[in-house]
N, C-alpha and C. Protein backbone atom coordinates (compact mmCIF):
# COMPACT_ATOMS: atom_id res chain seq x y z
N MET A 1 114.31 103.82 108.75
CA MET A 1 115.70 104.25 108.56
C MET A 1 116.55 103.68 109.69
N ILE A 2 117.65 103.10 109.33
CA ILE A 2 118.59 102.54 110.30
C ILE A 2 119.64 103.59 110.60
N LYS A 3 119.96 103.74 111.86
CA LYS A 3 121.00 104.69 112.24
C LYS A 3 122.03 103.98 113.10
N SER A 4 123.25 104.09 112.70
CA SER A 4 124.34 103.55 113.51
C SER A 4 124.84 104.65 114.44
N LYS A 5 125.52 104.22 115.48
CA LYS A 5 126.08 105.17 116.44
C LYS A 5 127.52 105.49 116.03
N ARG A 6 127.94 106.68 116.32
CA ARG A 6 129.32 107.09 116.05
C ARG A 6 130.27 106.11 116.72
N GLY A 7 131.23 105.61 115.97
CA GLY A 7 132.22 104.68 116.49
C GLY A 7 131.77 103.22 116.46
N GLU A 8 130.53 102.98 116.04
CA GLU A 8 130.01 101.61 115.98
C GLU A 8 130.66 100.84 114.83
N TYR A 9 130.77 99.53 115.00
CA TYR A 9 131.24 98.68 113.91
C TYR A 9 130.13 98.53 112.87
N VAL A 10 130.46 98.81 111.62
CA VAL A 10 129.58 98.57 110.48
C VAL A 10 130.49 98.04 109.38
N PHE A 11 130.07 96.97 108.74
CA PHE A 11 130.89 96.38 107.69
C PHE A 11 130.40 96.86 106.33
N VAL A 12 131.30 97.47 105.54
CA VAL A 12 130.99 97.94 104.19
C VAL A 12 131.62 96.93 103.23
N TYR A 13 130.78 96.28 102.42
CA TYR A 13 131.24 95.21 101.54
C TYR A 13 130.89 95.51 100.09
N PRO A 14 131.77 95.26 99.13
CA PRO A 14 133.10 94.68 99.25
C PRO A 14 134.18 95.71 99.60
N TYR A 15 133.92 96.98 99.29
CA TYR A 15 134.87 98.01 99.72
C TYR A 15 134.28 99.39 99.53
N TYR A 16 134.69 100.28 100.28
CA TYR A 16 134.47 101.73 100.25
C TYR A 16 135.02 102.26 101.57
N PRO A 17 136.32 102.15 101.76
CA PRO A 17 136.91 102.54 103.04
C PRO A 17 136.62 103.98 103.45
N MET A 18 136.36 104.85 102.47
CA MET A 18 136.08 106.24 102.83
C MET A 18 134.79 106.37 103.63
N TYR A 19 133.87 105.44 103.48
CA TYR A 19 132.61 105.50 104.22
C TYR A 19 132.82 105.42 105.72
N TYR A 20 133.82 104.64 106.14
CA TYR A 20 134.10 104.54 107.58
C TYR A 20 134.44 105.92 108.14
N PHE A 21 135.28 106.62 107.43
CA PHE A 21 135.69 107.95 107.86
C PHE A 21 134.52 108.94 107.79
N LEU A 22 133.84 108.98 106.67
CA LEU A 22 132.76 109.95 106.47
C LEU A 22 131.59 109.75 107.42
N ALA A 23 131.29 108.50 107.76
CA ALA A 23 130.15 108.21 108.63
C ALA A 23 130.53 108.11 110.10
N GLY A 24 131.82 108.16 110.40
CA GLY A 24 132.25 108.06 111.79
C GLY A 24 132.01 106.68 112.37
N ILE A 25 132.09 105.64 111.52
CA ILE A 25 131.92 104.26 111.95
C ILE A 25 133.24 103.53 111.86
N ARG A 26 133.29 102.34 112.43
CA ARG A 26 134.54 101.58 112.42
C ARG A 26 134.38 100.29 111.62
N ASN A 27 135.45 99.94 110.94
CA ASN A 27 135.51 98.68 110.20
C ASN A 27 135.78 97.56 111.21
N PRO A 28 134.93 96.55 111.26
CA PRO A 28 135.13 95.47 112.22
C PRO A 28 136.23 94.49 111.81
N THR A 29 136.72 94.63 110.59
CA THR A 29 137.79 93.75 110.10
C THR A 29 139.05 94.58 109.91
N GLU A 30 140.11 93.93 109.58
CA GLU A 30 141.35 94.66 109.32
C GLU A 30 141.54 94.94 107.83
N TYR A 31 140.50 94.66 107.03
CA TYR A 31 140.62 94.78 105.59
C TYR A 31 139.76 95.93 105.05
N SER A 32 140.39 96.86 104.35
CA SER A 32 139.64 97.98 103.79
C SER A 32 138.98 97.58 102.47
N ILE A 33 139.40 96.48 101.91
CA ILE A 33 138.84 95.92 100.68
C ILE A 33 138.78 94.42 100.88
N LEU A 34 137.73 93.80 100.39
CA LEU A 34 137.59 92.34 100.50
C LEU A 34 137.02 91.83 99.19
N MET A 35 137.94 91.37 98.32
CA MET A 35 137.54 90.89 97.00
C MET A 35 138.21 89.56 96.71
N TYR A 36 137.45 88.67 96.08
CA TYR A 36 137.98 87.37 95.69
C TYR A 36 139.10 87.54 94.68
N ASN A 37 140.08 86.69 94.79
CA ASN A 37 141.26 86.68 93.93
C ASN A 37 142.16 87.89 94.15
N ILE A 38 141.82 88.72 95.09
CA ILE A 38 142.70 89.79 95.55
C ILE A 38 143.09 89.49 96.99
N ASN A 39 142.08 89.24 97.83
CA ASN A 39 142.32 88.79 99.20
C ASN A 39 142.41 87.26 99.21
N THR A 40 143.08 86.74 100.19
CA THR A 40 143.24 85.29 100.29
C THR A 40 142.02 84.65 100.96
N GLU A 41 141.92 83.36 100.82
CA GLU A 41 140.84 82.62 101.49
C GLU A 41 140.94 82.80 103.00
N ALA A 42 142.16 82.79 103.52
CA ALA A 42 142.36 82.99 104.97
C ALA A 42 141.87 84.37 105.41
N GLN A 43 142.05 85.38 104.58
CA GLN A 43 141.58 86.73 104.93
C GLN A 43 140.05 86.78 104.95
N PHE A 44 139.41 86.09 104.03
CA PHE A 44 137.95 86.02 104.05
C PHE A 44 137.48 85.32 105.33
N HIS A 45 138.14 84.24 105.71
CA HIS A 45 137.77 83.52 106.94
C HIS A 45 137.96 84.41 108.16
N LYS A 46 139.04 85.18 108.17
CA LYS A 46 139.30 86.09 109.30
C LYS A 46 138.22 87.18 109.36
N ALA A 47 137.83 87.72 108.22
CA ALA A 47 136.78 88.75 108.20
C ALA A 47 135.47 88.19 108.72
N ILE A 48 135.11 86.98 108.30
CA ILE A 48 133.89 86.34 108.79
C ILE A 48 133.97 86.13 110.29
N SER A 49 135.12 85.69 110.75
CA SER A 49 135.33 85.48 112.19
C SER A 49 135.16 86.80 112.96
N ASP A 50 135.69 87.88 112.41
CA ASP A 50 135.57 89.20 113.05
C ASP A 50 134.11 89.64 113.12
N LEU A 51 133.37 89.46 112.03
CA LEU A 51 131.95 89.82 112.02
C LEU A 51 131.18 89.02 113.05
N ASP A 52 131.48 87.76 113.14
CA ASP A 52 130.78 86.88 114.07
C ASP A 52 131.14 87.19 115.52
N ARG A 53 132.42 87.33 115.78
CA ARG A 53 132.90 87.56 117.15
C ARG A 53 132.42 88.90 117.70
N LYS A 54 132.40 89.92 116.84
CA LYS A 54 132.01 91.27 117.28
C LYS A 54 130.51 91.51 117.15
N LYS A 55 129.79 90.51 116.63
CA LYS A 55 128.33 90.62 116.48
C LYS A 55 127.95 91.94 115.81
N VAL A 56 128.59 92.22 114.69
CA VAL A 56 128.39 93.46 113.96
C VAL A 56 126.92 93.58 113.59
N ARG A 57 126.33 94.70 113.95
CA ARG A 57 124.89 94.88 113.79
C ARG A 57 124.48 95.20 112.36
N TYR A 58 125.28 96.01 111.64
CA TYR A 58 124.89 96.44 110.30
C TYR A 58 125.96 96.13 109.25
N ILE A 59 125.47 95.84 108.06
CA ILE A 59 126.32 95.68 106.89
C ILE A 59 125.75 96.56 105.79
N LEU A 60 126.63 97.26 105.11
CA LEU A 60 126.27 98.04 103.93
C LEU A 60 126.90 97.32 102.74
N TRP A 61 126.08 96.70 101.91
CA TRP A 61 126.56 95.84 100.83
C TRP A 61 126.27 96.53 99.50
N ASP A 62 127.31 96.93 98.81
CA ASP A 62 127.17 97.59 97.51
C ASP A 62 127.01 96.54 96.43
N THR A 63 125.81 96.39 95.92
CA THR A 63 125.55 95.35 94.91
C THR A 63 126.02 95.75 93.52
N TYR A 64 126.31 97.03 93.31
CA TYR A 64 126.86 97.45 92.02
C TYR A 64 128.34 97.11 91.89
N VAL A 65 129.01 97.04 92.98
CA VAL A 65 130.45 96.76 92.98
C VAL A 65 130.67 95.36 93.55
N GLU A 66 130.06 94.38 92.90
CA GLU A 66 130.23 93.00 93.33
C GLU A 66 130.13 92.08 92.13
N GLY A 67 130.54 90.86 92.32
CA GLY A 67 130.40 89.83 91.30
C GLY A 67 130.97 90.24 89.95
N GLN A 68 130.25 89.88 88.91
CA GLN A 68 130.72 90.14 87.55
C GLN A 68 130.81 91.63 87.24
N ASN A 69 130.08 92.46 87.99
CA ASN A 69 130.18 93.92 87.78
C ASN A 69 131.59 94.44 88.03
N LEU A 70 132.37 93.72 88.81
CA LEU A 70 133.74 94.16 89.10
C LEU A 70 134.60 94.20 87.84
N LYS A 71 134.20 93.47 86.80
CA LYS A 71 134.97 93.49 85.55
C LYS A 71 134.98 94.88 84.92
N THR A 72 134.01 95.71 85.28
CA THR A 72 133.99 97.08 84.76
C THR A 72 135.25 97.82 85.19
N TRP A 73 135.66 97.61 86.42
CA TRP A 73 136.83 98.31 86.98
C TRP A 73 138.08 97.44 86.95
N PHE A 74 137.90 96.13 87.01
CA PHE A 74 139.02 95.18 87.01
C PHE A 74 138.76 94.15 85.90
N PRO A 75 139.11 94.46 84.65
CA PRO A 75 138.77 93.59 83.51
C PRO A 75 139.24 92.14 83.64
N GLN A 76 140.30 91.90 84.36
CA GLN A 76 140.81 90.53 84.51
C GLN A 76 140.17 89.78 85.69
N TYR A 77 139.28 90.43 86.39
CA TYR A 77 138.66 89.82 87.57
C TYR A 77 137.86 88.58 87.20
N GLU A 78 138.04 87.53 87.98
CA GLU A 78 137.29 86.29 87.81
C GLU A 78 136.52 86.03 89.11
N HIS A 79 135.21 86.06 89.00
CA HIS A 79 134.37 85.84 90.18
C HIS A 79 134.22 84.34 90.41
N PRO A 80 134.35 83.89 91.67
CA PRO A 80 134.22 82.45 91.95
C PRO A 80 132.78 81.96 91.74
N SER A 81 132.65 80.66 91.69
CA SER A 81 131.32 80.07 91.55
C SER A 81 130.51 80.33 92.82
N ARG A 82 129.21 80.22 92.72
CA ARG A 82 128.29 80.46 93.86
C ARG A 82 128.68 79.61 95.07
N ASN A 83 129.16 78.40 94.84
CA ASN A 83 129.55 77.49 95.94
C ASN A 83 130.74 78.01 96.73
N ASN A 84 131.52 78.89 96.15
CA ASN A 84 132.74 79.39 96.80
C ASN A 84 132.60 80.80 97.36
N LEU A 85 131.39 81.31 97.43
CA LEU A 85 131.16 82.67 97.93
C LEU A 85 130.89 82.62 99.43
N GLU A 86 131.93 82.46 100.20
CA GLU A 86 131.79 82.25 101.65
C GLU A 86 131.22 83.45 102.39
N ILE A 87 131.70 84.63 102.11
CA ILE A 87 131.23 85.79 102.88
C ILE A 87 129.78 86.12 102.51
N GLU A 88 129.43 85.96 101.26
CA GLU A 88 128.05 86.18 100.86
C GLU A 88 127.11 85.21 101.58
N ARG A 89 127.53 83.96 101.65
CA ARG A 89 126.73 82.94 102.35
C ARG A 89 126.57 83.30 103.82
N TYR A 90 127.66 83.76 104.44
CA TYR A 90 127.61 84.17 105.84
C TYR A 90 126.64 85.35 106.01
N ILE A 91 126.79 86.37 105.18
CA ILE A 91 125.95 87.56 105.29
C ILE A 91 124.48 87.19 105.09
N GLU A 92 124.19 86.40 104.07
CA GLU A 92 122.80 86.05 103.77
C GLU A 92 122.14 85.20 104.85
N THR A 93 122.93 84.45 105.59
CA THR A 93 122.35 83.62 106.66
C THR A 93 122.31 84.32 108.01
N HIS A 94 123.12 85.34 108.21
CA HIS A 94 123.18 86.02 109.50
C HIS A 94 122.55 87.42 109.52
N TYR A 95 122.22 87.94 108.33
CA TYR A 95 121.70 89.30 108.22
C TYR A 95 120.46 89.30 107.33
N GLU A 96 119.61 90.28 107.54
CA GLU A 96 118.47 90.44 106.66
C GLU A 96 118.43 91.86 106.11
N VAL A 97 117.95 91.96 104.89
CA VAL A 97 117.87 93.26 104.21
C VAL A 97 116.79 94.10 104.88
N GLN A 98 117.16 95.33 105.25
CA GLN A 98 116.22 96.28 105.83
C GLN A 98 115.73 97.25 104.77
N GLU A 99 116.65 97.65 103.91
CA GLU A 99 116.34 98.59 102.83
C GLU A 99 117.32 98.35 101.69
N ILE A 100 116.92 98.79 100.50
CA ILE A 100 117.84 98.84 99.37
C ILE A 100 117.74 100.25 98.82
N ARG A 101 118.90 100.91 98.79
CA ARG A 101 118.95 102.30 98.29
C ARG A 101 120.14 102.45 97.35
N ASN A 102 119.85 102.91 96.16
CA ASN A 102 120.90 103.17 95.16
C ASN A 102 121.85 101.99 95.01
N GLY A 103 121.31 100.78 95.02
CA GLY A 103 122.13 99.59 94.84
C GLY A 103 122.80 99.09 96.09
N PHE A 104 122.60 99.76 97.21
CA PHE A 104 123.18 99.31 98.48
C PHE A 104 122.13 98.54 99.28
N LYS A 105 122.50 97.36 99.73
CA LYS A 105 121.66 96.63 100.65
C LYS A 105 122.06 97.07 102.06
N ILE A 106 121.11 97.58 102.79
CA ILE A 106 121.35 97.94 104.19
C ILE A 106 120.82 96.76 104.99
N MET A 107 121.73 96.07 105.66
CA MET A 107 121.39 94.81 106.30
C MET A 107 121.60 94.88 107.81
N GLN A 108 120.75 94.19 108.55
CA GLN A 108 120.85 94.15 110.00
C GLN A 108 120.98 92.70 110.44
N ARG A 109 121.81 92.52 111.45
CA ARG A 109 122.05 91.17 111.98
C ARG A 109 120.75 90.58 112.51
N ARG A 110 120.51 89.32 112.20
CA ARG A 110 119.34 88.60 112.69
C ARG A 110 119.49 88.35 114.19
N GLU A 111 118.39 88.29 114.87
CA GLU A 111 118.41 87.94 116.30
C GLU A 111 118.85 86.50 116.45
N GLU A 112 119.63 86.24 117.47
CA GLU A 112 120.11 84.86 117.70
C GLU A 112 119.29 84.17 118.74
């Protein structure tokens, strides 16, 4: 079981801003939601920069609320091609899955 410290940076992707409040953790980015075709490419780059600069230890990635599944809540949503998934590529290369619970990937930053 992974435990974060109160006030620690943890990134919840693609969104669930209430988790920051409920868990007493901080969002390392300035974005409470990060979704393609809603946020700009520059905002994705800034979020990646924030994760990298702050060396965020944990990511909570909700796999039910990602990709084509977003059409359930946003019918007009168009998910980009695999080649254009910048934040996913960053997360997959810098973090490793520790556990999967109820569709959430609990990920920890790889040692550098």
